[in-house]
Amino acid sequence: MLDIKKHSTLLIDSNAYMYRFFYGTEPRHCPDNNPVHVVYAFMGYARRLLQQYHPNRLIFVFDAEGNNFRHELYSDYKSHRDPMPEDLAAQIELIKTAITLLGIPLVEQPAVEADDSIASLAKVLASESNHVYIFSRDKDLMQLVNDQVFMVDEKKQQIIDREAVQSRYGIEPERIVQMLALMGDEADNIPGVEGIGAVTAAKLINQWGSIDKIVENSHWLKGAVGNNLRRAVDALHLSEQLTQLKIDLYTAEAQDDFHLLPEDKYEIHQFCLKLGFHE
């Protein structure tokens, strides 16, 4: 079991786990033959988190449907992604119902992504007495890591702290935004600079710091890297905007929200009977 401090806050990148359970668990159907294996997996996973880690808060964070502010900045943002499989999309509302019946809060903010909600929650909920653990493998979220905020990679059974980010990428967590802007991100269709990978990005960041300073000193860079960088100045600033997570969605009063509630045992029983989980 991972060494997670008791009475901390756990933030779950729910969409990532939906795909993980969709492809990684055995198919299961309810009596009317609709797929429910992701719902079943989510319920078991949520209860395991509560039992193993005894968190003060456990929050499942979802992407809202439709476009968000990044699409307004860049119409091709994530444009090449395949749509969610129908058998997964059909289970989303049941997943949310299950989480709510278990007394666990969920967050789904219109016009922003789950990563932004996670970033904003981490900002207001983290303190010396309340560490925040983000359950995700998304490198975009590494920009949030600090002395009170950690990422959890369950596949590798690893807690990612400041030292782990520095060791992996050669830069501090707060500079991850600049690294991602320089590299771009094929999965999100973020342009970046052609030919710049993690090693070169870290070198440039450590040498000059900000994107503005890198651009300002680009005349010192020779060969393809320098040429590509100078050609990509506009795209580079756009990429930085796209990779920067929002941290202003919640105020300090949010510390009084998102409490765990007792399970609704009767409704859970009825819910499980309806989906055939007691067979």
C-alpha atoms as a PDB file:
ATOM      1  CA  MET A   1       0.000   0.000   0.000  1.00  0.00           C
ATOM      2  CA  LEU A   2       1.229   3.496  -0.820  1.00  0.00           C
ATOM      3  CA  ASP A   3       2.502   5.650   2.038  1.00  0.00           C
ATOM      4  CA  ILE A   4      -0.266   8.242   1.992  1.00  0.00           C
ATOM      5  CA  LYS A   5      -0.827  10.263   5.141  1.00  0.00           C
ATOM      6  CA  LYS A   6      -4.157   9.660   6.861  1.00  0.00           C
ATOM      7  CA  HIS A   7      -6.720  12.467   6.943  1.00  0.00           C
ATOM      8  CA  SER A   8      -5.423  13.998   3.731  1.00  0.00           C
ATOM      9  CA  THR A   9      -7.328  15.010   0.601  1.00  0.00           C
ATOM     10  CA  LEU A  10      -7.450  12.626  -2.356  1.00  0.00           C
ATOM     11  CA  LEU A  11      -8.338  14.077  -5.770  1.00  0.00           C
ATOM     12  CA  ILE A  12      -9.178  11.501  -8.431  1.00  0.00           C
ATOM     13  CA  ASP A  13      -8.732  12.127 -12.160  1.00  0.00           C
ATOM     14  CA  SER A  14     -11.997  10.314 -12.870  1.00  0.00           C
ATOM     15  CA  ASN A  15     -11.945  10.307 -16.666  1.00  0.00           C
ATOM     16  CA  ALA A  16      -8.550   8.622 -16.684  1.00  0.00           C
ATOM     17  CA  TYR A  17      -9.847   5.938 -14.334  1.00  0.00           C
ATOM     18  CA  MET A  18     -12.992   5.447 -16.423  1.00  0.00           C
ATOM     19  CA  TYR A  19     -10.852   4.492 -19.401  1.00  0.00           C
ATOM     20  CA  ARG A  20      -8.599   2.373 -17.217  1.00  0.00           C
ATOM     21  CA  PHE A  21     -11.556   0.394 -15.869  1.00  0.00           C
ATOM     22  CA  PHE A  22     -13.294   0.254 -19.257  1.00  0.00           C
ATOM     23  CA  TYR A  23     -10.365  -1.455 -20.932  1.00  0.00           C
ATOM     24  CA  GLY A  24      -8.883  -3.182 -17.907  1.00  0.00           C
ATOM     25  CA  THR A  25     -11.786  -4.962 -16.218  1.00  0.00           C
ATOM     26  CA  GLU A  26     -13.962  -7.879 -17.235  1.00  0.00           C
ATOM     27  CA  PRO A  27     -17.158  -7.034 -19.140  1.00  0.00           C
ATOM     28  CA  ARG A  28     -20.258  -7.042 -16.983  1.00  0.00           C
ATOM     29  CA  HIS A  29     -23.876  -6.383 -17.919  1.00  0.00           C
ATOM     30  CA  CYS A  30     -26.971  -5.536 -15.912  1.00  0.00           C
ATOM     31  CA  PRO A  31     -30.248  -7.499 -16.294  1.00  0.00           C
ATOM     32  CA  ASP A  32     -31.314  -5.380 -19.298  1.00  0.00           C
ATOM     33  CA  ASN A  33     -27.948  -6.257 -20.923  1.00  0.00           C
ATOM     34  CA  ASN A  34     -26.426  -2.773 -20.755  1.00  0.00           C
ATOM     35  CA  PRO A  35     -22.708  -2.582 -19.813  1.00  0.00           C
ATOM     36  CA  VAL A  36     -22.002  -1.758 -16.153  1.00  0.00           C
ATOM     37  CA  HIS A  37     -18.465  -3.052 -15.548  1.00  0.00           C
ATOM     38  CA  VAL A  38     -17.011   0.454 -15.148  1.00  0.00           C
ATOM     39  CA  VAL A  39     -19.718   1.326 -12.606  1.00  0.00           C
ATOM     40  CA  TYR A  40     -18.916  -1.830 -10.663  1.00  0.00           C
ATOM     41  CA  ALA A  41     -15.193  -1.114 -10.771  1.00  0.00           C
ATOM     42  CA  PHE A  42     -15.693   2.487  -9.621  1.00  0.00           C
ATOM     43  CA  MET A  43     -17.742   1.451  -6.612  1.00  0.00           C
ATOM     44  CA  GLY A  44     -15.135  -1.074  -5.530  1.00  0.00           C
ATOM     45  CA  TYR A  45     -12.316   1.393  -6.126  1.00  0.00           C
ATOM     46  CA  ALA A  46     -13.984   4.198  -4.162  1.00  0.00           C
ATOM     47  CA  ARG A  47     -14.587   1.940  -1.164  1.00  0.00           C
ATOM     48  CA  ARG A  48     -10.995   0.692  -1.296  1.00  0.00           C
ATOM     49  CA  LEU A  49      -9.662   4.258  -1.193  1.00  0.00           C
ATOM     50  CA  LEU A  50     -11.790   5.005   1.876  1.00  0.00           C
ATOM     51  CA  GLN A  51     -10.778   1.837   3.679  1.00  0.00           C
ATOM     52  CA  GLN A  52      -7.071   1.967   2.880  1.00  0.00           C
ATOM     53  CA  TYR A  53      -6.283   5.650   3.269  1.00  0.00           C
ATOM     54  CA  HIS A  54      -8.940   7.074   5.626  1.00  0.00           C
ATOM     55  CA  PRO A  55      -8.930  10.442   3.860  1.00  0.00           C
ATOM     56  CA  ASN A  56     -10.351  13.638   5.276  1.00  0.00           C
ATOM     57  CA  ARG A  57     -11.678  14.376   1.801  1.00  0.00           C
ATOM     58  CA  LEU A  58     -12.100  12.198  -1.275  1.00  0.00           C
ATOM     59  CA  ILE A  59     -13.223  13.998  -4.422  1.00  0.00           C
ATOM     60  CA  PHE A  60     -13.856  12.482  -7.852  1.00  0.00           C
ATOM     61  CA  VAL A  61     -13.256  15.089 -10.557  1.00  0.00           C
ATOM     62  CA  PHE A  62     -14.783  14.736 -14.038  1.00  0.00           C
ATOM     63  CA  ASP A  63     -14.413  16.520 -17.355  1.00  0.00           C
ATOM     64  CA  ALA A  64     -17.549  18.417 -18.295  1.00  0.00           C
ATOM     65  CA  GLU A  65     -19.115  17.736 -21.684  1.00  0.00           C
ATOM     66  CA  GLY A  66     -18.516  20.142 -24.539  1.00  0.00           C
ATOM     67  CA  ASN A  67     -15.791  22.647 -25.299  1.00  0.00           C
ATOM     68  CA  ASN A  68     -13.856  24.655 -22.756  1.00  0.00           C
ATOM     69  CA  PHE A  69     -11.868  27.876 -22.731  1.00  0.00           C
ATOM     70  CA  ARG A  70      -8.899  26.179 -24.447  1.00  0.00           C
ATOM     71  CA  HIS A  71     -11.001  25.548 -27.537  1.00  0.00           C
ATOM     72  CA  GLU A  72     -11.649  29.291 -27.657  1.00  0.00           C
ATOM     73  CA  LEU A  73      -7.897  29.888 -27.634  1.00  0.00           C
ATOM     74  CA  TYR A  74      -7.164  27.160 -30.171  1.00  0.00           C
ATOM     75  CA  SER A  75      -9.929  25.544 -32.204  1.00  0.00           C
ATOM     76  CA  ASP A  76      -7.805  22.458 -32.963  1.00  0.00           C
ATOM     77  CA  TYR A  77      -7.280  21.642 -29.285  1.00  0.00           C
ATOM     78  CA  LYS A  78      -7.767  17.871 -28.877  1.00  0.00           C
ATOM     79  CA  SER A  79      -9.472  17.885 -32.291  1.00  0.00           C
ATOM     80  CA  HIS A  80      -7.937  14.590 -33.416  1.00  0.00           C
ATOM     81  CA  ARG A  81      -9.097  12.520 -30.447  1.00  0.00           C
ATOM     82  CA  ASP A  82     -11.532   9.689 -31.021  1.00  0.00           C
ATOM     83  CA  PRO A  83     -14.928  10.068 -29.352  1.00  0.00           C
ATOM     84  CA  MET A  84     -15.525   8.205 -26.115  1.00  0.00           C
ATOM     85  CA  PRO A  85     -16.688   4.615 -26.724  1.00  0.00           C
ATOM     86  CA  GLU A  86     -20.479   4.387 -26.544  1.00  0.00           C
ATOM     87  CA  ASP A  87     -20.397   1.594 -23.975  1.00  0.00           C
ATOM     88  CA  LEU A  88     -18.336   3.835 -21.686  1.00  0.00           C
ATOM     89  CA  ALA A  89     -20.363   7.009 -22.256  1.00  0.00           C
ATOM     90  CA  ALA A  90     -23.516   5.045 -21.377  1.00  0.00           C
ATOM     91  CA  GLN A  91     -22.137   4.361 -17.884  1.00  0.00           C
ATOM     92  CA  ILE A  92     -21.085   7.876 -16.863  1.00  0.00           C
ATOM     93  CA  GLU A  93     -24.325   8.949 -15.181  1.00  0.00           C
ATOM     94  CA  LEU A  94     -24.510   5.627 -13.327  1.00  0.00           C
ATOM     95  CA  ILE A  95     -20.926   6.132 -12.140  1.00  0.00           C
ATOM     96  CA  LYS A  96     -21.822   9.574 -10.774  1.00  0.00           C
ATOM     97  CA  THR A  97     -24.928   8.180  -9.081  1.00  0.00           C
ATOM     98  CA  ALA A  98     -22.868   5.432  -7.432  1.00  0.00           C
ATOM     99  CA  ILE A  99     -20.281   7.918  -6.135  1.00  0.00           C
ATOM    100  CA  THR A 100     -22.995  10.172  -4.714  1.00  0.00           C
ATOM    101  CA  LEU A 101     -24.751   7.260  -2.976  1.00  0.00           C
ATOM    102  CA  LEU A 102     -21.430   6.373  -1.363  1.00  0.00           C
ATOM    103  CA  GLY A 103     -21.354   9.845   0.191  1.00  0.00           C
ATOM    104  CA  ILE A 104     -18.403  10.982  -1.902  1.00  0.00           C
ATOM    105  CA  PRO A 105     -18.453  14.438  -3.515  1.00  0.00           C
ATOM    106  CA  LEU A 106     -17.827  14.817  -7.217  1.00  0.00           C
ATOM    107  CA  VAL A 107     -16.856  17.877  -9.229  1.00  0.00           C
ATOM    108  CA  GLU A 108     -17.714  18.695 -12.833  1.00  0.00           C
ATOM    109  CA  GLN A 109     -17.128  22.340 -13.774  1.00  0.00           C
ATOM    110  CA  PRO A 110     -18.631  23.642 -17.042  1.00  0.00           C
ATOM    111  CA  ALA A 111     -16.204  25.139 -19.594  1.00  0.00           C
ATOM    112  CA  VAL A 112     -13.066  23.848 -17.857  1.00  0.00           C
ATOM    113  CA  GLU A 113     -11.305  20.513 -17.758  1.00  0.00           C
ATOM    114  CA  ALA A 114     -10.925  18.180 -14.822  1.00  0.00           C
ATOM    115  CA  ASP A 115      -7.237  19.167 -14.624  1.00  0.00           C
ATOM    116  CA  ASP A 116      -8.233  22.779 -13.937  1.00  0.00           C
ATOM    117  CA  SER A 117     -10.697  21.756 -11.243  1.00  0.00           C
ATOM    118  CA  ILE A 118      -8.021  19.546  -9.679  1.00  0.00           C
ATOM    119  CA  ALA A 119      -5.501  22.404  -9.800  1.00  0.00           C
ATOM    120  CA  SER A 120      -7.906  24.850  -8.190  1.00  0.00           C
ATOM    121  CA  LEU A 121      -8.958  22.371  -5.494  1.00  0.00           C
ATOM    122  CA  ALA A 122      -5.330  21.544  -4.703  1.00  0.00           C
ATOM    123  CA  LYS A 123      -4.590  25.255  -4.368  1.00  0.00           C
ATOM    124  CA  VAL A 124      -7.233  25.901  -1.703  1.00  0.00           C
ATOM    125  CA  LEU A 125      -7.236  22.546   0.119  1.00  0.00           C
ATOM    126  CA  ALA A 126      -3.499  21.970   0.590  1.00  0.00           C
ATOM    127  CA  SER A 127      -1.876  23.025   3.845  1.00  0.00           C
ATOM    128  CA  GLU A 128       0.802  21.826   6.243  1.00  0.00           C
ATOM    129  CA  SER A 129      -1.860  19.855   8.109  1.00  0.00           C
ATOM    130  CA  ASN A 130      -3.701  18.625   4.995  1.00  0.00           C
ATOM    131  CA  HIS A 131      -1.661  17.134   2.192  1.00  0.00           C
ATOM    132  CA  VAL A 132      -3.293  16.680  -1.206  1.00  0.00           C
ATOM    133  CA  TYR A 133      -2.710  13.559  -3.302  1.00  0.00           C
ATOM    134  CA  ILE A 134      -3.697  13.685  -6.974  1.00  0.00           C
ATOM    135  CA  PHE A 135      -4.402  10.218  -8.370  1.00  0.00           C
ATOM    136  CA  SER A 136      -3.355  10.581 -12.001  1.00  0.00           C
ATOM    137  CA  ARG A 137      -0.526   9.848 -14.436  1.00  0.00           C
ATOM    138  CA  ASP A 138      -1.141  13.026 -16.442  1.00  0.00           C
ATOM    139  CA  LYS A 139       2.139  14.922 -16.720  1.00  0.00           C
ATOM    140  CA  ASP A 140       0.226  18.221 -17.045  1.00  0.00           C
ATOM    141  CA  LEU A 141      -0.659  17.891 -13.364  1.00  0.00           C
ATOM    142  CA  MET A 142       2.988  17.719 -12.321  1.00  0.00           C
ATOM    143  CA  GLN A 143       3.059  21.523 -12.410  1.00  0.00           C
ATOM    144  CA  LEU A 144       1.013  21.382  -9.185  1.00  0.00           C
ATOM    145  CA  VAL A 145       3.483  19.345  -7.139  1.00  0.00           C
ATOM    146  CA  ASN A 146       4.931  21.142  -4.111  1.00  0.00           C
ATOM    147  CA  ASP A 147       5.627  20.450  -0.445  1.00  0.00           C
ATOM    148  CA  GLN A 148       1.946  19.748   0.271  1.00  0.00           C
ATOM    149  CA  VAL A 149       0.701  18.475  -3.119  1.00  0.00           C
ATOM    150  CA  PHE A 150       1.740  15.108  -4.544  1.00  0.00           C
ATOM    151  CA  MET A 151       0.784  12.934  -7.476  1.00  0.00           C
ATOM    152  CA  VAL A 152       0.047   9.239  -7.141  1.00  0.00           C
ATOM    153  CA  ASP A 153       0.929   6.808  -9.915  1.00  0.00           C
ATOM    154  CA  GLU A 154      -0.882   3.653  -8.841  1.00  0.00           C
ATOM    155  CA  LYS A 155       0.371   1.660 -11.813  1.00  0.00           C
ATOM    156  CA  LYS A 156       3.968   2.175 -10.690  1.00  0.00           C
ATOM    157  CA  GLN A 157       3.006   2.338  -7.009  1.00  0.00           C
ATOM    158  CA  GLN A 158       4.822   5.665  -6.740  1.00  0.00           C
ATOM    159  CA  ILE A 159       4.163   8.926  -4.954  1.00  0.00           C
ATOM    160  CA  ILE A 160       5.565  11.767  -7.043  1.00  0.00           C
ATOM    161  CA  ASP A 161       7.017  14.636  -5.015  1.00  0.00           C
ATOM    162  CA  ARG A 162       9.202  17.604  -5.973  1.00  0.00           C
ATOM    163  CA  GLU A 163      12.348  15.480  -6.002  1.00  0.00           C
ATOM    164  CA  ALA A 164      10.724  12.881  -8.271  1.00  0.00           C
ATOM    165  CA  VAL A 165       9.722  15.547 -10.813  1.00  0.00           C
ATOM    166  CA  GLN A 166      13.209  17.059 -10.697  1.00  0.00           C
ATOM    167  CA  SER A 167      14.786  13.638 -11.147  1.00  0.00           C
ATOM    168  CA  ARG A 168      12.518  12.678 -14.054  1.00  0.00           C
ATOM    169  CA  TYR A 169      12.643  15.912 -16.056  1.00  0.00           C
ATOM    170  CA  GLY A 170      15.596  17.909 -14.722  1.00  0.00           C
ATOM    171  CA  ILE A 171      13.430  20.900 -13.794  1.00  0.00           C
ATOM    172  CA  GLU A 172      11.296  21.999 -10.855  1.00  0.00           C
ATOM    173  CA  PRO A 173       7.538  21.280 -10.952  1.00  0.00           C
ATOM    174  CA  GLU A 174       6.665  24.950 -11.401  1.00  0.00           C
ATOM    175  CA  ARG A 175       8.587  24.922 -14.703  1.00  0.00           C
ATOM    176  CA  ILE A 176       6.670  21.975 -16.160  1.00  0.00           C
ATOM    177  CA  VAL A 177       4.368  24.419 -17.985  1.00  0.00           C
ATOM    178  CA  GLN A 178       7.325  25.817 -19.938  1.00  0.00           C
ATOM    179  CA  MET A 179       8.590  22.309 -20.725  1.00  0.00           C
ATOM    180  CA  LEU A 180       5.214  21.200 -22.076  1.00  0.00           C
ATOM    181  CA  ALA A 181       4.898  24.394 -24.115  1.00  0.00           C
ATOM    182  CA  LEU A 182       8.281  23.793 -25.748  1.00  0.00           C
ATOM    183  CA  MET A 183       7.659  20.094 -26.378  1.00  0.00           C
ATOM    184  CA  GLY A 184       4.034  20.363 -27.369  1.00  0.00           C
ATOM    185  CA  ASP A 185       1.651  17.510 -26.691  1.00  0.00           C
ATOM    186  CA  GLU A 186       0.505  15.199 -29.465  1.00  0.00           C
ATOM    187  CA  ALA A 187      -2.289  13.761 -27.317  1.00  0.00           C
ATOM    188  CA  ASP A 188      -3.837  17.217 -26.807  1.00  0.00           C
ATOM    189  CA  ASN A 189      -2.781  18.548 -30.222  1.00  0.00           C
ATOM    190  CA  ILE A 190      -0.709  21.330 -28.639  1.00  0.00           C
ATOM    191  CA  PRO A 191       1.828  22.582 -31.215  1.00  0.00           C
ATOM    192  CA  GLY A 192       5.079  23.269 -29.307  1.00  0.00           C
ATOM    193  CA  VAL A 193       8.364  23.565 -31.209  1.00  0.00           C
ATOM    194  CA  GLU A 194       9.358  20.962 -33.758  1.00  0.00           C
ATOM    195  CA  GLY A 195      12.399  18.930 -32.711  1.00  0.00           C
ATOM    196  CA  ILE A 196      12.383  19.926 -29.032  1.00  0.00           C
ATOM    197  CA  GLY A 197      11.989  17.057 -26.594  1.00  0.00           C
ATOM    198  CA  ALA A 198      12.185  16.838 -22.819  1.00  0.00           C
ATOM    199  CA  VAL A 199      15.997  16.987 -22.606  1.00  0.00           C
ATOM    200  CA  THR A 200      16.378  20.045 -24.840  1.00  0.00           C
ATOM    201  CA  ALA A 201      13.421  21.761 -23.180  1.00  0.00           C
ATOM    202  CA  ALA A 202      14.953  21.256 -19.727  1.00  0.00           C
ATOM    203  CA  LYS A 203      18.286  22.606 -20.952  1.00  0.00           C
ATOM    204  CA  LEU A 204      16.682  25.763 -22.348  1.00  0.00           C
ATOM    205  CA  ILE A 205      14.580  26.311 -19.234  1.00  0.00           C
ATOM    206  CA  ASN A 206      17.518  25.857 -16.875  1.00  0.00           C
ATOM    207  CA  GLN A 207      19.602  28.223 -18.965  1.00  0.00           C
ATOM    208  CA  TRP A 208      17.096  31.058 -19.422  1.00  0.00           C
ATOM    209  CA  GLY A 209      14.059  30.344 -17.263  1.00  0.00           C
ATOM    210  CA  SER A 210      10.863  31.659 -18.838  1.00  0.00           C
ATOM    211  CA  ILE A 211       9.498  31.249 -22.352  1.00  0.00           C
ATOM    212  CA  ASP A 212       9.912  34.987 -22.898  1.00  0.00           C
ATOM    213  CA  LYS A 213      13.598  34.792 -21.977  1.00  0.00           C
ATOM    214  CA  ILE A 214      14.129  31.746 -24.183  1.00  0.00           C
ATOM    215  CA  VAL A 215      12.569  33.580 -27.136  1.00  0.00           C
ATOM    216  CA  GLU A 216      14.564  36.719 -26.324  1.00  0.00           C
ATOM    217  CA  ASN A 217      17.808  34.717 -26.430  1.00  0.00           C
ATOM    218  CA  SER A 218      16.885  32.456 -29.343  1.00  0.00           C
ATOM    219  CA  HIS A 219      19.444  34.192 -31.576  1.00  0.00           C
ATOM    220  CA  TRP A 220      22.128  32.330 -29.619  1.00  0.00           C
ATOM    221  CA  LEU A 221      20.674  28.986 -30.687  1.00  0.00           C
ATOM    222  CA  LYS A 222      22.135  27.573 -33.878  1.00  0.00           C
ATOM    223  CA  GLY A 223      20.914  24.901 -36.272  1.00  0.00           C
ATOM    224  CA  ALA A 224      17.448  23.382 -36.497  1.00  0.00           C
ATOM    225  CA  VAL A 225      16.524  24.030 -32.855  1.00  0.00           C
ATOM    226  CA  GLY A 226      17.164  27.745 -33.156  1.00  0.00           C
ATOM    227  CA  ASN A 227      15.430  28.026 -36.536  1.00  0.00           C
ATOM    228  CA  ASN A 228      12.394  26.059 -35.389  1.00  0.00           C
ATOM    229  CA  LEU A 229      12.152  28.065 -32.170  1.00  0.00           C
ATOM    230  CA  ARG A 230      12.225  31.406 -33.958  1.00  0.00           C
ATOM    231  CA  ARG A 231       9.557  30.235 -36.420  1.00  0.00           C
ATOM    232  CA  ALA A 232       7.328  28.999 -33.600  1.00  0.00           C
ATOM    233  CA  VAL A 233       7.223  32.087 -31.371  1.00  0.00           C
ATOM    234  CA  ASP A 234       3.465  32.665 -31.726  1.00  0.00           C
ATOM    235  CA  ALA A 235       2.674  28.974 -31.347  1.00  0.00           C
ATOM    236  CA  LEU A 236       4.976  28.794 -28.340  1.00  0.00           C
ATOM    237  CA  HIS A 237       3.111  31.487 -26.423  1.00  0.00           C
ATOM    238  CA  LEU A 238      -0.184  29.830 -27.344  1.00  0.00           C
ATOM    239  CA  SER A 239       1.130  26.473 -26.143  1.00  0.00           C
ATOM    240  CA  GLU A 240       2.085  28.032 -22.812  1.00  0.00           C
ATOM    241  CA  GLN A 241      -1.462  29.337 -22.376  1.00  0.00           C
ATOM    242  CA  LEU A 242      -2.902  25.924 -23.221  1.00  0.00           C
ATOM    243  CA  THR A 243      -0.719  24.038 -20.754  1.00  0.00           C
ATOM    244  CA  GLN A 244      -1.145  26.444 -17.823  1.00  0.00           C
ATOM    245  CA  LEU A 245      -3.798  25.104 -15.450  1.00  0.00           C
ATOM    246  CA  LYS A 246      -6.351  27.381 -13.819  1.00  0.00           C
ATOM    247  CA  ILE A 247      -6.019  27.727 -10.056  1.00  0.00           C
ATOM    248  CA  ASP A 248      -8.722  30.330  -9.407  1.00  0.00           C
ATOM    249  CA  LEU A 249     -11.951  28.321  -9.649  1.00  0.00           C
ATOM    250  CA  TYR A 250     -12.412  28.095  -5.873  1.00  0.00           C
ATOM    251  CA  THR A 251     -11.955  30.413  -2.909  1.00  0.00           C
ATOM    252  CA  ALA A 252     -10.711  29.564   0.566  1.00  0.00           C
ATOM    253  CA  GLU A 253     -14.313  28.893   1.628  1.00  0.00           C
ATOM    254  CA  ALA A 254     -14.116  25.651  -0.362  1.00  0.00           C
ATOM    255  CA  GLN A 255     -12.274  24.181   2.610  1.00  0.00           C
ATOM    256  CA  ASP A 256     -15.688  23.895   4.279  1.00  0.00           C
ATOM    257  CA  ASP A 257     -17.173  22.018   1.349  1.00  0.00           C
ATOM    258  CA  PHE A 258     -16.619  18.570  -0.142  1.00  0.00           C
ATOM    259  CA  HIS A 259     -17.040  16.640   3.086  1.00  0.00           C
ATOM    260  CA  LEU A 260     -17.574  12.904   3.023  1.00  0.00           C
ATOM    261  CA  LEU A 261     -21.091  11.839   3.997  1.00  0.00           C
ATOM    262  CA  PRO A 262     -22.415   8.510   5.298  1.00  0.00           C
ATOM    263  CA  GLU A 263     -23.341   5.956   2.670  1.00  0.00           C
ATOM    264  CA  ASP A 264     -27.000   5.753   1.744  1.00  0.00           C
ATOM    265  CA  LYS A 265     -27.118   2.037   2.473  1.00  0.00           C
ATOM    266  CA  TYR A 266     -30.713   1.445   1.417  1.00  0.00           C
ATOM    267  CA  GLU A 267     -30.336   3.265  -1.906  1.00  0.00           C
ATOM    268  CA  ILE A 268     -27.006   1.571  -2.557  1.00  0.00           C
ATOM    269  CA  HIS A 269     -28.691  -1.791  -2.027  1.00  0.00           C
ATOM    270  CA  GLN A 270     -31.473  -0.868  -4.462  1.00  0.00           C
ATOM    271  CA  PHE A 271     -28.964   0.482  -6.963  1.00  0.00           C
ATOM    272  CA  CYS A 272     -26.902  -2.703  -6.826  1.00  0.00           C
ATOM    273  CA  LEU A 273     -29.982  -4.895  -7.194  1.00  0.00           C
ATOM    274  CA  LYS A 274     -31.049  -2.932 -10.262  1.00  0.00           C
ATOM    275  CA  LEU A 275     -27.637  -3.364 -11.878  1.00  0.00           C
ATOM    276  CA  GLY A 276     -27.320  -7.016 -10.918  1.00  0.00           C
ATOM    277  CA  PHE A 277     -24.334  -6.580  -8.596  1.00  0.00           C
ATOM    278  CA  HIS A 278     -25.702  -8.994  -5.977  1.00  0.00           C
ATOM    279  CA  GLU A 279     -25.941 -11.973  -8.256  1.00  0.00           C
END
